[in-house]
Amino acid sequence: MKITIPESLRSITGPLLLTGHTGFKGSWMGLLLDSIGVEWVGISLPPEPDSLYSLLGQRNYTKEYFVDIRDYNQLNKIVKEVKPSFVIHLAAQPLVLDSYEQPRQTFETNVLGTVNLLDSLKDTGPNTRVVAATTDKVYRAKTLNISYKETDPWGGKDPYSWSKVGAEAAISAWQQISSTQGGPKLFSARSGNVIGGGDRSKNRLLPDLVTGFISKSKIEIRNQNSTRPWQHVLDPLLGYLLVLSYNGFESAFNFSPGVKSLKVEKVVEIASKAWGEPVKINYLKHQDKFETKSLSLNSNLAKKSLGWTSKWTQEESVISTINWWKRVTSMSMTPKECCIADIQELFID
């Protein structure tokens, strides 16, 4: 099936620099860029053996560099060589529980890594556009269960969320530098819990469920009453691309399903039904103290300014993720074929 590229994305041309291209979101973004014909260059840590990147096999990127973004000299050298017209910054330490185990590394990667990239880009000029992905967890917790807007104050709970607040501070500082010195146009992009085929991250709900489904073993679930804005990974990634072609004055955008976030328990129910085979679920009694209980984002600004909407509902996102794994484990489709099928669906009206 031939993909029809939205007119708003036709202004995005190479070279595009993609950081974190071997990660879960980065692997999907690389395929999405391939599908719409954008030449791109990747910077990332080497891929894990069982990662989606490794499952996908040969890619169409122009070049890739396995570099730690904490290494300013190497990063700066690559940026000067590539001379990117567009940048999507996804490289991060993305796991809350890991941030407790490795707080310094989390801050170095998420804050200093972002600073290194933005500083390397500051002389590229106003025609360069940069989207830096942060998280829905950068907002200061509210007493009422109200969706967060882009203008709400920042605040964290765990090392991960505070590191992303630090990244937001860096983005704001370099936005000011750019406005006074004619540097690149910088945007912050905040999205909720992304899900989709190929995610093997530990201590994440859908990967934990899929592992249990495949092995037919008991699955232990934390925080059954917690809510998250679950969304298919392609939804915010399309949003990031739309931001790159945006010509207005906004500097930050939320990407979220835009409806009441589903509880963990409901997601487990949807996923189990979609898998279609008996599974044993054990809900742990204690409430996890490490993570925020309730999260919801307001994406009205992205809808109004970018024309962005979610392709998949939360329930459809869960079902799509489970179906991806069912096709791959049954070997009826390859991982790359499954991803391409989802990308094709993304662009169907």
C-alpha atoms as a PDB file:
ATOM      1  CA  MET A   1       0.000   0.000   0.000  1.00  0.00           C
ATOM      2  CA  LYS A   2       1.372   3.417  -0.986  1.00  0.00           C
ATOM      3  CA  ILE A   3       1.499   5.955   1.844  1.00  0.00           C
ATOM      4  CA  THR A   4       0.017   9.378   1.174  1.00  0.00           C
ATOM      5  CA  ILE A   5       2.130  11.921   3.017  1.00  0.00           C
ATOM      6  CA  PRO A   6       0.183  14.805   4.608  1.00  0.00           C
ATOM      7  CA  GLU A   7       0.945  18.146   2.978  1.00  0.00           C
ATOM      8  CA  SER A   8       2.108  19.536   6.321  1.00  0.00           C
ATOM      9  CA  LEU A   9       5.004  17.047   6.406  1.00  0.00           C
ATOM     10  CA  ARG A  10       6.356  17.741   2.925  1.00  0.00           C
ATOM     11  CA  SER A  11       8.521  20.585   4.211  1.00  0.00           C
ATOM     12  CA  ILE A  12      10.577  18.134   6.293  1.00  0.00           C
ATOM     13  CA  THR A  13      13.640  17.155   4.323  1.00  0.00           C
ATOM     14  CA  GLY A  14      17.022  15.726   5.184  1.00  0.00           C
ATOM     15  CA  PRO A  15      19.364  15.695   6.701  1.00  0.00           C
ATOM     16  CA  LEU A  16      17.335  15.005   9.842  1.00  0.00           C
ATOM     17  CA  LEU A  17      19.277  14.073  12.971  1.00  0.00           C
ATOM     18  CA  LEU A  18      17.544  11.511  15.195  1.00  0.00           C
ATOM     19  CA  THR A  19      18.996  10.835  18.642  1.00  0.00           C
ATOM     20  CA  GLY A  20      18.071   7.632  20.430  1.00  0.00           C
ATOM     21  CA  HIS A  21      17.402   5.845  17.147  1.00  0.00           C
ATOM     22  CA  THR A  22      18.088   2.387  18.611  1.00  0.00           C
ATOM     23  CA  GLY A  23      15.503   2.796  21.371  1.00  0.00           C
ATOM     24  CA  PHE A  24      11.855   1.780  21.224  1.00  0.00           C
ATOM     25  CA  LYS A  25      10.470   5.150  20.106  1.00  0.00           C
ATOM     26  CA  GLY A  26      13.556   5.795  17.994  1.00  0.00           C
ATOM     27  CA  SER A  27      13.131   2.522  16.094  1.00  0.00           C
ATOM     28  CA  TRP A  28       9.533   3.378  15.259  1.00  0.00           C
ATOM     29  CA  MET A  29      10.522   6.938  14.309  1.00  0.00           C
ATOM     30  CA  GLY A  30      13.252   5.667  11.979  1.00  0.00           C
ATOM     31  CA  LEU A  31      10.761   3.498  10.119  1.00  0.00           C
ATOM     32  CA  LEU A  32       8.261   6.360  10.014  1.00  0.00           C
ATOM     33  CA  LEU A  33      10.897   8.654   8.487  1.00  0.00           C
ATOM     34  CA  ASP A  34      11.801   5.954   5.960  1.00  0.00           C
ATOM     35  CA  SER A  35       8.122   5.612   5.045  1.00  0.00           C
ATOM     36  CA  ILE A  36       7.664   9.311   4.296  1.00  0.00           C
ATOM     37  CA  GLY A  37      10.977   9.547   2.436  1.00  0.00           C
ATOM     38  CA  VAL A  38      13.020  11.675   4.847  1.00  0.00           C
ATOM     39  CA  GLU A  39      16.802  11.183   4.818  1.00  0.00           C
ATOM     40  CA  TRP A  40      18.041  10.820   8.375  1.00  0.00           C
ATOM     41  CA  VAL A  41      21.123  10.173  10.487  1.00  0.00           C
ATOM     42  CA  GLY A  42      21.021   8.346  13.824  1.00  0.00           C
ATOM     43  CA  ILE A  43      22.944   8.910  17.058  1.00  0.00           C
ATOM     44  CA  SER A  44      22.444   6.441  19.882  1.00  0.00           C
ATOM     45  CA  LEU A  45      23.934   3.893  22.202  1.00  0.00           C
ATOM     46  CA  PRO A  46      24.433   0.450  20.621  1.00  0.00           C
ATOM     47  CA  PRO A  47      21.166  -1.531  20.480  1.00  0.00           C
ATOM     48  CA  GLU A  48      20.239  -4.249  22.958  1.00  0.00           C
ATOM     49  CA  PRO A  49      20.207  -7.743  21.378  1.00  0.00           C
ATOM     50  CA  ASP A  50      16.446  -8.264  21.892  1.00  0.00           C
ATOM     51  CA  SER A  51      15.411  -4.689  21.094  1.00  0.00           C
ATOM     52  CA  LEU A  52      12.959  -3.682  18.380  1.00  0.00           C
ATOM     53  CA  TYR A  53      15.857  -2.080  16.512  1.00  0.00           C
ATOM     54  CA  SER A  54      17.627  -5.461  16.380  1.00  0.00           C
ATOM     55  CA  LEU A  55      14.420  -7.246  15.340  1.00  0.00           C
ATOM     56  CA  LEU A  56      13.866  -4.871  12.415  1.00  0.00           C
ATOM     57  CA  GLY A  57      17.159  -5.678  10.681  1.00  0.00           C
ATOM     58  CA  GLN A  58      18.612  -3.532   7.907  1.00  0.00           C
ATOM     59  CA  ARG A  59      17.377   0.072   7.779  1.00  0.00           C
ATOM     60  CA  ASN A  60      17.412   2.893   5.231  1.00  0.00           C
ATOM     61  CA  TYR A  61      19.294   5.476   7.308  1.00  0.00           C
ATOM     62  CA  THR A  62      22.074   7.378   5.611  1.00  0.00           C
ATOM     63  CA  LYS A  63      24.478   6.865   8.514  1.00  0.00           C
ATOM     64  CA  GLU A  64      24.435   5.965  12.191  1.00  0.00           C
ATOM     65  CA  TYR A  65      26.770   6.745  15.066  1.00  0.00           C
ATOM     66  CA  PHE A  66      26.972   4.785  18.294  1.00  0.00           C
ATOM     67  CA  VAL A  67      27.841   7.618  20.653  1.00  0.00           C
ATOM     68  CA  ASP A  68      26.833   8.464  24.224  1.00  0.00           C
ATOM     69  CA  ILE A  69      25.231  11.922  24.186  1.00  0.00           C
ATOM     70  CA  ARG A  70      27.065  12.688  27.433  1.00  0.00           C
ATOM     71  CA  ASP A  71      30.245  12.861  25.320  1.00  0.00           C
ATOM     72  CA  TYR A  72      30.097  16.481  24.176  1.00  0.00           C
ATOM     73  CA  ASN A  73      33.170  16.400  21.938  1.00  0.00           C
ATOM     74  CA  GLN A  74      31.959  13.407  19.924  1.00  0.00           C
ATOM     75  CA  LEU A  75      28.398  14.726  19.720  1.00  0.00           C
ATOM     76  CA  ASN A  76      29.510  18.185  18.657  1.00  0.00           C
ATOM     77  CA  LYS A  77      31.773  16.704  15.971  1.00  0.00           C
ATOM     78  CA  ILE A  78      28.885  14.689  14.503  1.00  0.00           C
ATOM     79  CA  VAL A  79      26.505  17.663  14.521  1.00  0.00           C
ATOM     80  CA  LYS A  80      29.059  19.787  12.689  1.00  0.00           C
ATOM     81  CA  GLU A  81      29.536  17.009  10.139  1.00  0.00           C
ATOM     82  CA  VAL A  82      25.827  16.313   9.543  1.00  0.00           C
ATOM     83  CA  LYS A  83      24.660  19.959   9.492  1.00  0.00           C
ATOM     84  CA  PRO A  84      21.055  18.898  10.157  1.00  0.00           C
ATOM     85  CA  SER A  85      18.073  20.893   8.956  1.00  0.00           C
ATOM     86  CA  PHE A  86      15.819  19.087  11.451  1.00  0.00           C
ATOM     87  CA  VAL A  87      16.491  17.342  14.766  1.00  0.00           C
ATOM     88  CA  ILE A  88      14.356  14.979  16.847  1.00  0.00           C
ATOM     89  CA  HIS A  89      15.866  14.353  20.273  1.00  0.00           C
ATOM     90  CA  LEU A  90      14.647  11.072  21.788  1.00  0.00           C
ATOM     91  CA  ALA A  91      17.835   9.814  23.496  1.00  0.00           C
ATOM     92  CA  ALA A  92      17.158   9.416  27.217  1.00  0.00           C
ATOM     93  CA  GLN A  93      17.192   7.189  30.271  1.00  0.00           C
ATOM     94  CA  PRO A  94      13.411   6.595  30.182  1.00  0.00           C
ATOM     95  CA  LEU A  95      12.633   4.325  33.147  1.00  0.00           C
ATOM     96  CA  VAL A  96      11.410   5.565  36.535  1.00  0.00           C
ATOM     97  CA  LEU A  97      12.592   2.554  38.542  1.00  0.00           C
ATOM     98  CA  ASP A  98      16.030   2.642  36.894  1.00  0.00           C
ATOM     99  CA  SER A  99      16.304   6.306  37.888  1.00  0.00           C
ATOM    100  CA  TYR A 100      16.249   5.267  41.543  1.00  0.00           C
ATOM    101  CA  GLU A 101      19.012   2.757  40.933  1.00  0.00           C
ATOM    102  CA  GLN A 102      21.098   5.114  38.763  1.00  0.00           C
ATOM    103  CA  PRO A 103      20.089   8.706  39.591  1.00  0.00           C
ATOM    104  CA  ARG A 104      23.392  10.313  38.542  1.00  0.00           C
ATOM    105  CA  GLN A 105      23.415   8.541  35.184  1.00  0.00           C
ATOM    106  CA  THR A 106      19.767   9.516  34.675  1.00  0.00           C
ATOM    107  CA  PHE A 107      20.516  13.201  35.272  1.00  0.00           C
ATOM    108  CA  GLU A 108      23.681  13.101  33.177  1.00  0.00           C
ATOM    109  CA  THR A 109      21.844  11.562  30.224  1.00  0.00           C
ATOM    110  CA  ASN A 110      18.572  13.463  30.421  1.00  0.00           C
ATOM    111  CA  VAL A 111      19.877  16.880  31.447  1.00  0.00           C
ATOM    112  CA  LEU A 112      23.535  17.104  30.415  1.00  0.00           C
ATOM    113  CA  GLY A 113      22.879  15.058  27.261  1.00  0.00           C
ATOM    114  CA  THR A 114      20.176  17.535  26.244  1.00  0.00           C
ATOM    115  CA  VAL A 115      22.469  20.468  27.068  1.00  0.00           C
ATOM    116  CA  ASN A 116      25.254  18.922  24.969  1.00  0.00           C
ATOM    117  CA  LEU A 117      22.963  18.520  21.975  1.00  0.00           C
ATOM    118  CA  LEU A 118      21.433  21.999  22.194  1.00  0.00           C
ATOM    119  CA  ASP A 119      24.830  23.624  22.628  1.00  0.00           C
ATOM    120  CA  SER A 120      26.151  21.736  19.607  1.00  0.00           C
ATOM    121  CA  LEU A 121      23.200  23.066  17.597  1.00  0.00           C
ATOM    122  CA  LYS A 122      23.197  26.699  18.714  1.00  0.00           C
ATOM    123  CA  ASP A 123      25.199  27.919  15.710  1.00  0.00           C
ATOM    124  CA  THR A 124      23.137  26.080  13.083  1.00  0.00           C
ATOM    125  CA  GLY A 125      20.913  29.112  12.499  1.00  0.00           C
ATOM    126  CA  PRO A 126      17.184  29.933  12.616  1.00  0.00           C
ATOM    127  CA  ASN A 127      16.256  27.610   9.737  1.00  0.00           C
ATOM    128  CA  THR A 128      17.109  24.531  11.810  1.00  0.00           C
ATOM    129  CA  ARG A 129      14.178  23.079  13.776  1.00  0.00           C
ATOM    130  CA  VAL A 130      14.558  20.947  16.887  1.00  0.00           C
ATOM    131  CA  VAL A 131      11.987  18.875  18.784  1.00  0.00           C
ATOM    132  CA  ALA A 132      13.105  17.559  22.174  1.00  0.00           C
ATOM    133  CA  ALA A 133      10.854  14.902  23.675  1.00  0.00           C
ATOM    134  CA  THR A 134      10.369  15.019  27.444  1.00  0.00           C
ATOM    135  CA  THR A 135       7.429  13.446  29.303  1.00  0.00           C
ATOM    136  CA  ASP A 136       4.002  13.923  30.871  1.00  0.00           C
ATOM    137  CA  LYS A 137       5.739  13.582  34.241  1.00  0.00           C
ATOM    138  CA  VAL A 138       7.307  17.068  34.161  1.00  0.00           C
ATOM    139  CA  TYR A 139       4.223  18.734  35.631  1.00  0.00           C
ATOM    140  CA  ARG A 140       3.840  19.584  39.312  1.00  0.00           C
ATOM    141  CA  ALA A 141       1.233  17.289  40.868  1.00  0.00           C
ATOM    142  CA  LYS A 142      -2.227  18.788  41.308  1.00  0.00           C
ATOM    143  CA  THR A 143      -4.579  18.068  44.177  1.00  0.00           C
ATOM    144  CA  LEU A 144      -7.468  17.656  41.723  1.00  0.00           C
ATOM    145  CA  ASN A 145      -7.456  15.087  38.929  1.00  0.00           C
ATOM    146  CA  ILE A 146      -7.244  17.666  36.121  1.00  0.00           C
ATOM    147  CA  SER A 147      -5.410  17.223  32.829  1.00  0.00           C
ATOM    148  CA  TYR A 148      -2.148  19.131  32.629  1.00  0.00           C
ATOM    149  CA  LYS A 149      -1.755  21.992  30.146  1.00  0.00           C
ATOM    150  CA  GLU A 150       1.521  23.165  28.610  1.00  0.00           C
ATOM    151  CA  THR A 151       1.455  26.300  30.784  1.00  0.00           C
ATOM    152  CA  ASP A 152       1.156  24.400  34.081  1.00  0.00           C
ATOM    153  CA  PRO A 153       4.163  24.634  36.437  1.00  0.00           C
ATOM    154  CA  TRP A 154       6.856  21.949  36.398  1.00  0.00           C
ATOM    155  CA  GLY A 155       7.602  19.631  39.260  1.00  0.00           C
ATOM    156  CA  GLY A 156       8.828  16.104  39.834  1.00  0.00           C
ATOM    157  CA  LYS A 157       8.458  13.185  42.206  1.00  0.00           C
ATOM    158  CA  ASP A 158      11.181  10.723  41.257  1.00  0.00           C
ATOM    159  CA  PRO A 159      14.705  11.125  39.830  1.00  0.00           C
ATOM    160  CA  TYR A 160      13.417  10.442  36.305  1.00  0.00           C
ATOM    161  CA  SER A 161      10.731  13.149  36.343  1.00  0.00           C
ATOM    162  CA  TRP A 162      13.062  15.666  37.983  1.00  0.00           C
ATOM    163  CA  SER A 163      15.705  14.930  35.340  1.00  0.00           C
ATOM    164  CA  LYS A 164      13.128  15.694  32.671  1.00  0.00           C
ATOM    165  CA  VAL A 165      12.241  18.931  34.469  1.00  0.00           C
ATOM    166  CA  GLY A 166      15.950  19.717  34.180  1.00  0.00           C
ATOM    167  CA  ALA A 167      15.783  18.954  30.459  1.00  0.00           C
ATOM    168  CA  GLU A 168      12.812  21.327  30.141  1.00  0.00           C
ATOM    169  CA  ALA A 169      14.829  24.031  31.909  1.00  0.00           C
ATOM    170  CA  ALA A 170      17.676  23.511  29.439  1.00  0.00           C
ATOM    171  CA  ILE A 171      15.283  23.710  26.486  1.00  0.00           C
ATOM    172  CA  SER A 172      13.818  26.979  27.842  1.00  0.00           C
ATOM    173  CA  ALA A 173      17.306  28.422  28.333  1.00  0.00           C
ATOM    174  CA  TRP A 174      18.369  27.571  24.779  1.00  0.00           C
ATOM    175  CA  GLN A 175      15.089  28.906  23.414  1.00  0.00           C
ATOM    176  CA  GLN A 176      16.083  32.234  24.962  1.00  0.00           C
ATOM    177  CA  ILE A 177      19.607  31.935  23.552  1.00  0.00           C
ATOM    178  CA  SER A 178      18.168  31.233  20.095  1.00  0.00           C
ATOM    179  CA  SER A 179      15.756  34.166  20.233  1.00  0.00           C
ATOM    180  CA  THR A 180      18.545  36.600  21.082  1.00  0.00           C
ATOM    181  CA  GLN A 181      21.302  35.121  18.905  1.00  0.00           C
ATOM    182  CA  GLY A 182      19.412  33.804  15.886  1.00  0.00           C
ATOM    183  CA  GLY A 183      19.782  30.138  16.707  1.00  0.00           C
ATOM    184  CA  PRO A 184      17.556  27.166  15.797  1.00  0.00           C
ATOM    185  CA  LYS A 185      13.851  27.016  16.544  1.00  0.00           C
ATOM    186  CA  LEU A 186      13.389  24.758  19.597  1.00  0.00           C
ATOM    187  CA  PHE A 187      10.267  22.931  20.770  1.00  0.00           C
ATOM    188  CA  SER A 188       9.460  20.717  23.724  1.00  0.00           C
ATOM    189  CA  ALA A 189       7.153  17.737  23.111  1.00  0.00           C
ATOM    190  CA  ARG A 190       5.479  15.970  26.044  1.00  0.00           C
ATOM    191  CA  SER A 191       3.617  12.709  25.663  1.00  0.00           C
ATOM    192  CA  GLY A 192       2.131  10.055  27.896  1.00  0.00           C
ATOM    193  CA  ASN A 193       2.738   6.333  28.207  1.00  0.00           C
ATOM    194  CA  VAL A 194       3.480   5.135  24.693  1.00  0.00           C
ATOM    195  CA  ILE A 195       2.823   1.520  23.811  1.00  0.00           C
ATOM    196  CA  GLY A 196       3.205  -0.552  20.672  1.00  0.00           C
ATOM    197  CA  GLY A 197       4.784  -3.658  19.274  1.00  0.00           C
ATOM    198  CA  GLY A 198       8.418  -4.390  20.006  1.00  0.00           C
ATOM    199  CA  ASP A 199       8.809  -2.742  23.404  1.00  0.00           C
ATOM    200  CA  ARG A 200      10.919  -4.975  25.681  1.00  0.00           C
ATOM    201  CA  SER A 201      11.538  -2.475  28.479  1.00  0.00           C
ATOM    202  CA  LYS A 202      11.501  -3.919  31.968  1.00  0.00           C
ATOM    203  CA  ASN A 203       8.937  -2.831  34.562  1.00  0.00           C
ATOM    204  CA  ARG A 204       6.507  -1.533  31.937  1.00  0.00           C
ATOM    205  CA  LEU A 205       2.968  -2.827  31.876  1.00  0.00           C
ATOM    206  CA  LEU A 206       2.530  -3.983  28.270  1.00  0.00           C
ATOM    207  CA  PRO A 207       5.998  -5.587  27.935  1.00  0.00           C
ATOM    208  CA  ASP A 208       5.452  -7.379  31.272  1.00  0.00           C
ATOM    209  CA  LEU A 209       2.056  -8.611  30.083  1.00  0.00           C
ATOM    210  CA  VAL A 210       3.389  -9.804  26.735  1.00  0.00           C
ATOM    211  CA  THR A 211       6.270 -11.645  28.410  1.00  0.00           C
ATOM    212  CA  GLY A 212       3.779 -13.429  30.660  1.00  0.00           C
ATOM    213  CA  PHE A 213       1.403 -14.198  27.794  1.00  0.00           C
ATOM    214  CA  ILE A 214       4.176 -15.744  25.695  1.00  0.00           C
ATOM    215  CA  SER A 215       5.699 -17.768  28.543  1.00  0.00           C
ATOM    216  CA  LYS A 216       2.273 -18.728  29.969  1.00  0.00           C
ATOM    217  CA  SER A 217       3.502 -17.745  33.418  1.00  0.00           C
ATOM    218  CA  LYS A 218       1.825 -15.831  36.234  1.00  0.00           C
ATOM    219  CA  ILE A 219       2.004 -12.072  35.751  1.00  0.00           C
ATOM    220  CA  GLU A 220       2.477  -9.785  38.740  1.00  0.00           C
ATOM    221  CA  ILE A 221       0.991  -6.309  38.279  1.00  0.00           C
ATOM    222  CA  ARG A 222       1.768  -3.202  40.319  1.00  0.00           C
ATOM    223  CA  ASN A 223      -0.517  -0.239  40.932  1.00  0.00           C
ATOM    224  CA  GLN A 224      -3.739  -1.628  39.490  1.00  0.00           C
ATOM    225  CA  ASN A 225      -5.648   1.606  40.194  1.00  0.00           C
ATOM    226  CA  SER A 226      -3.065   3.970  38.713  1.00  0.00           C
ATOM    227  CA  THR A 227      -4.008   5.773  35.512  1.00  0.00           C
ATOM    228  CA  ARG A 228      -1.895   6.749  32.517  1.00  0.00           C
ATOM    229  CA  PRO A 229      -2.639   8.388  29.135  1.00  0.00           C
ATOM    230  CA  TRP A 230      -1.944   5.224  27.139  1.00  0.00           C
ATOM    231  CA  GLN A 231      -1.308   5.863  23.450  1.00  0.00           C
ATOM    232  CA  HIS A 232       0.059   4.094  20.422  1.00  0.00           C
ATOM    233  CA  VAL A 233       3.679   5.118  19.883  1.00  0.00           C
ATOM    234  CA  LEU A 234       2.972   6.389  16.357  1.00  0.00           C
ATOM    235  CA  ASP A 235       0.496   8.997  17.594  1.00  0.00           C
ATOM    236  CA  PRO A 236       3.003  11.239  19.415  1.00  0.00           C
ATOM    237  CA  LEU A 237       5.705  10.517  16.828  1.00  0.00           C
ATOM    238  CA  LEU A 238       3.469  11.960  14.132  1.00  0.00           C
ATOM    239  CA  GLY A 239       2.925  14.887  16.484  1.00  0.00           C
ATOM    240  CA  TYR A 240       6.678  15.477  16.728  1.00  0.00           C
ATOM    241  CA  LEU A 241       6.894  15.628  12.933  1.00  0.00           C
ATOM    242  CA  LEU A 242       4.012  18.098  12.789  1.00  0.00           C
ATOM    243  CA  VAL A 243       5.846  20.292  15.302  1.00  0.00           C
ATOM    244  CA  LEU A 244       8.872  20.376  12.984  1.00  0.00           C
ATOM    245  CA  SER A 245       6.701  21.948  10.289  1.00  0.00           C
ATOM    246  CA  TYR A 246       4.943  24.371  12.679  1.00  0.00           C
ATOM    247  CA  ASN A 247       5.390  28.108  12.025  1.00  0.00           C
ATOM    248  CA  GLY A 248       3.553  29.610  14.997  1.00  0.00           C
ATOM    249  CA  PHE A 249       4.671  31.004  18.324  1.00  0.00           C
ATOM    250  CA  GLU A 250       4.037  28.099  20.697  1.00  0.00           C
ATOM    251  CA  SER A 251       7.130  26.420  22.142  1.00  0.00           C
ATOM    252  CA  ALA A 252       5.739  23.280  23.826  1.00  0.00           C
ATOM    253  CA  PHE A 253       3.065  20.729  22.970  1.00  0.00           C
ATOM    254  CA  ASN A 254       1.306  17.902  24.823  1.00  0.00           C
ATOM    255  CA  PHE A 255       0.340  14.717  22.981  1.00  0.00           C
ATOM    256  CA  SER A 256      -2.245  12.538  24.665  1.00  0.00           C
ATOM    257  CA  PRO A 257      -5.435  10.593  23.835  1.00  0.00           C
ATOM    258  CA  GLY A 258      -7.468  13.516  25.184  1.00  0.00           C
ATOM    259  CA  VAL A 259      -9.933  11.396  27.156  1.00  0.00           C
ATOM    260  CA  LYS A 260      -9.976  10.053  30.702  1.00  0.00           C
ATOM    261  CA  SER A 261      -6.896   7.920  31.284  1.00  0.00           C
ATOM    262  CA  LEU A 262      -7.470   4.193  31.749  1.00  0.00           C
ATOM    263  CA  LYS A 263      -6.580   2.386  34.945  1.00  0.00           C
ATOM    264  CA  VAL A 264      -3.875  -0.259  34.867  1.00  0.00           C
ATOM    265  CA  GLU A 265      -6.488  -2.885  35.758  1.00  0.00           C
ATOM    266  CA  LYS A 266      -8.580  -1.961  32.690  1.00  0.00           C
ATOM    267  CA  VAL A 267      -5.554  -2.154  30.400  1.00  0.00           C
ATOM    268  CA  VAL A 268      -4.759  -5.625  31.759  1.00  0.00           C
ATOM    269  CA  GLU A 269      -8.356  -6.697  31.052  1.00  0.00           C
ATOM    270  CA  ILE A 270      -8.236  -5.382  27.454  1.00  0.00           C
ATOM    271  CA  ALA A 271      -4.835  -6.960  26.775  1.00  0.00           C
ATOM    272  CA  SER A 272      -5.801 -10.333  28.237  1.00  0.00           C
ATOM    273  CA  LYS A 273      -8.967 -10.470  26.151  1.00  0.00           C
ATOM    274  CA  ALA A 274      -7.025  -9.523  23.001  1.00  0.00           C
ATOM    275  CA  TRP A 275      -4.434 -12.249  23.642  1.00  0.00           C
ATOM    276  CA  GLY A 276      -7.274 -14.770  23.789  1.00  0.00           C
ATOM    277  CA  GLU A 277      -5.653 -17.420  25.988  1.00  0.00           C
ATOM    278  CA  PRO A 278      -6.038 -17.977  29.757  1.00  0.00           C
ATOM    279  CA  VAL A 279      -3.533 -16.073  31.872  1.00  0.00           C
ATOM    280  CA  LYS A 280      -3.073 -15.754  35.627  1.00  0.00           C
ATOM    281  CA  ILE A 281      -2.830 -12.202  36.921  1.00  0.00           C
ATOM    282  CA  ASN A 282      -1.619 -11.408  40.428  1.00  0.00           C
ATOM    283  CA  TYR A 283      -2.253  -7.827  41.564  1.00  0.00           C
ATOM    284  CA  LEU A 284       0.243  -6.821  44.212  1.00  0.00           C
ATOM    285  CA  LYS A 285      -1.453  -5.449  47.318  1.00  0.00           C
ATOM    286  CA  HIS A 286       0.835  -2.538  48.126  1.00  0.00           C
ATOM    287  CA  GLN A 287       0.761   0.745  46.214  1.00  0.00           C
ATOM    288  CA  ASP A 288       4.106   1.526  44.581  1.00  0.00           C
ATOM    289  CA  LYS A 289       5.632   4.602  46.241  1.00  0.00           C
ATOM    290  CA  PHE A 290       7.987   5.269  43.340  1.00  0.00           C
ATOM    291  CA  GLU A 291       5.561   6.426  40.649  1.00  0.00           C
ATOM    292  CA  THR A 292       2.774   8.984  40.313  1.00  0.00           C
ATOM    293  CA  LYS A 293      -0.680   7.449  40.727  1.00  0.00           C
ATOM    294  CA  SER A 294      -2.648   9.570  38.275  1.00  0.00           C
ATOM    295  CA  LEU A 295      -1.567  11.277  35.042  1.00  0.00           C
ATOM    296  CA  SER A 296      -3.569  12.953  32.287  1.00  0.00           C
ATOM    297  CA  LEU A 297      -2.569  15.476  29.613  1.00  0.00           C
ATOM    298  CA  ASN A 298      -4.560  18.146  27.798  1.00  0.00           C
ATOM    299  CA  SER A 299      -3.693  18.095  24.082  1.00  0.00           C
ATOM    300  CA  ASN A 300      -6.067  20.798  22.865  1.00  0.00           C
ATOM    301  CA  LEU A 301      -3.170  23.031  21.820  1.00  0.00           C
ATOM    302  CA  ALA A 302      -1.740  20.351  19.500  1.00  0.00           C
ATOM    303  CA  LYS A 303      -5.178  19.770  18.006  1.00  0.00           C
ATOM    304  CA  LYS A 304      -5.797  23.470  17.418  1.00  0.00           C
ATOM    305  CA  SER A 305      -2.317  24.575  16.276  1.00  0.00           C
ATOM    306  CA  LEU A 306      -1.050  21.439  14.515  1.00  0.00           C
ATOM    307  CA  GLY A 307      -4.248  19.714  13.409  1.00  0.00           C
ATOM    308  CA  TRP A 308      -3.063  16.669  15.368  1.00  0.00           C
ATOM    309  CA  THR A 309      -5.407  13.965  16.634  1.00  0.00           C
ATOM    310  CA  SER A 310      -4.900  10.452  17.975  1.00  0.00           C
ATOM    311  CA  LYS A 311      -5.342   7.754  15.355  1.00  0.00           C
ATOM    312  CA  TRP A 312      -5.922   5.066  17.962  1.00  0.00           C
ATOM    313  CA  THR A 313      -8.054   5.169  21.105  1.00  0.00           C
ATOM    314  CA  GLN A 314      -6.473   3.877  24.305  1.00  0.00           C
ATOM    315  CA  GLU A 315      -8.272   0.559  23.920  1.00  0.00           C
ATOM    316  CA  GLU A 316      -7.299   0.284  20.246  1.00  0.00           C
ATOM    317  CA  SER A 317      -3.674   1.052  21.164  1.00  0.00           C
ATOM    318  CA  VAL A 318      -3.598  -1.847  23.625  1.00  0.00           C
ATOM    319  CA  ILE A 319      -5.248  -4.237  21.155  1.00  0.00           C
ATOM    320  CA  SER A 320      -2.907  -3.135  18.354  1.00  0.00           C
ATOM    321  CA  THR A 321       0.116  -3.819  20.594  1.00  0.00           C
ATOM    322  CA  ILE A 322      -1.102  -7.304  21.504  1.00  0.00           C
ATOM    323  CA  ASN A 323      -1.951  -8.126  17.880  1.00  0.00           C
ATOM    324  CA  TRP A 324       1.550  -7.046  16.830  1.00  0.00           C
ATOM    325  CA  TRP A 325       3.056  -9.579  19.191  1.00  0.00           C
ATOM    326  CA  LYS A 326       0.592 -12.303  18.221  1.00  0.00           C
ATOM    327  CA  ARG A 327       1.561 -11.932  14.551  1.00  0.00           C
ATOM    328  CA  VAL A 328       5.285 -11.890  15.320  1.00  0.00           C
ATOM    329  CA  THR A 329       5.252 -14.860  17.717  1.00  0.00           C
ATOM    330  CA  SER A 330       3.114 -16.894  15.303  1.00  0.00           C
ATOM    331  CA  MET A 331       5.559 -15.882  12.529  1.00  0.00           C
ATOM    332  CA  SER A 332       2.676 -14.852  10.290  1.00  0.00           C
ATOM    333  CA  MET A 333       4.432 -11.482   9.847  1.00  0.00           C
ATOM    334  CA  THR A 334       7.916 -10.152  10.522  1.00  0.00           C
ATOM    335  CA  PRO A 335       8.420  -7.332  13.049  1.00  0.00           C
ATOM    336  CA  LYS A 336       9.148  -4.903  10.211  1.00  0.00           C
ATOM    337  CA  GLU A 337       6.010  -5.935   8.313  1.00  0.00           C
ATOM    338  CA  CYS A 338       3.934  -5.409  11.452  1.00  0.00           C
ATOM    339  CA  CYS A 339       5.404  -1.941  11.988  1.00  0.00           C
ATOM    340  CA  ILE A 340       4.874  -0.945   8.366  1.00  0.00           C
ATOM    341  CA  ALA A 341       1.240  -2.104   8.577  1.00  0.00           C
ATOM    342  CA  ASP A 342       0.700   0.189  11.580  1.00  0.00           C
ATOM    343  CA  ILE A 343       2.396   3.103   9.790  1.00  0.00           C
ATOM    344  CA  GLN A 344       0.099   2.571   6.803  1.00  0.00           C
ATOM    345  CA  GLU A 345      -2.903   2.622   9.132  1.00  0.00           C
ATOM    346  CA  LEU A 346      -1.643   5.882  10.648  1.00  0.00           C
ATOM    347  CA  PHE A 347      -2.063   7.647   7.296  1.00  0.00           C
ATOM    348  CA  ILE A 348      -5.447   6.179   6.365  1.00  0.00           C
ATOM    349  CA  ASP A 349      -8.220   8.772   6.670  1.00  0.00           C
END
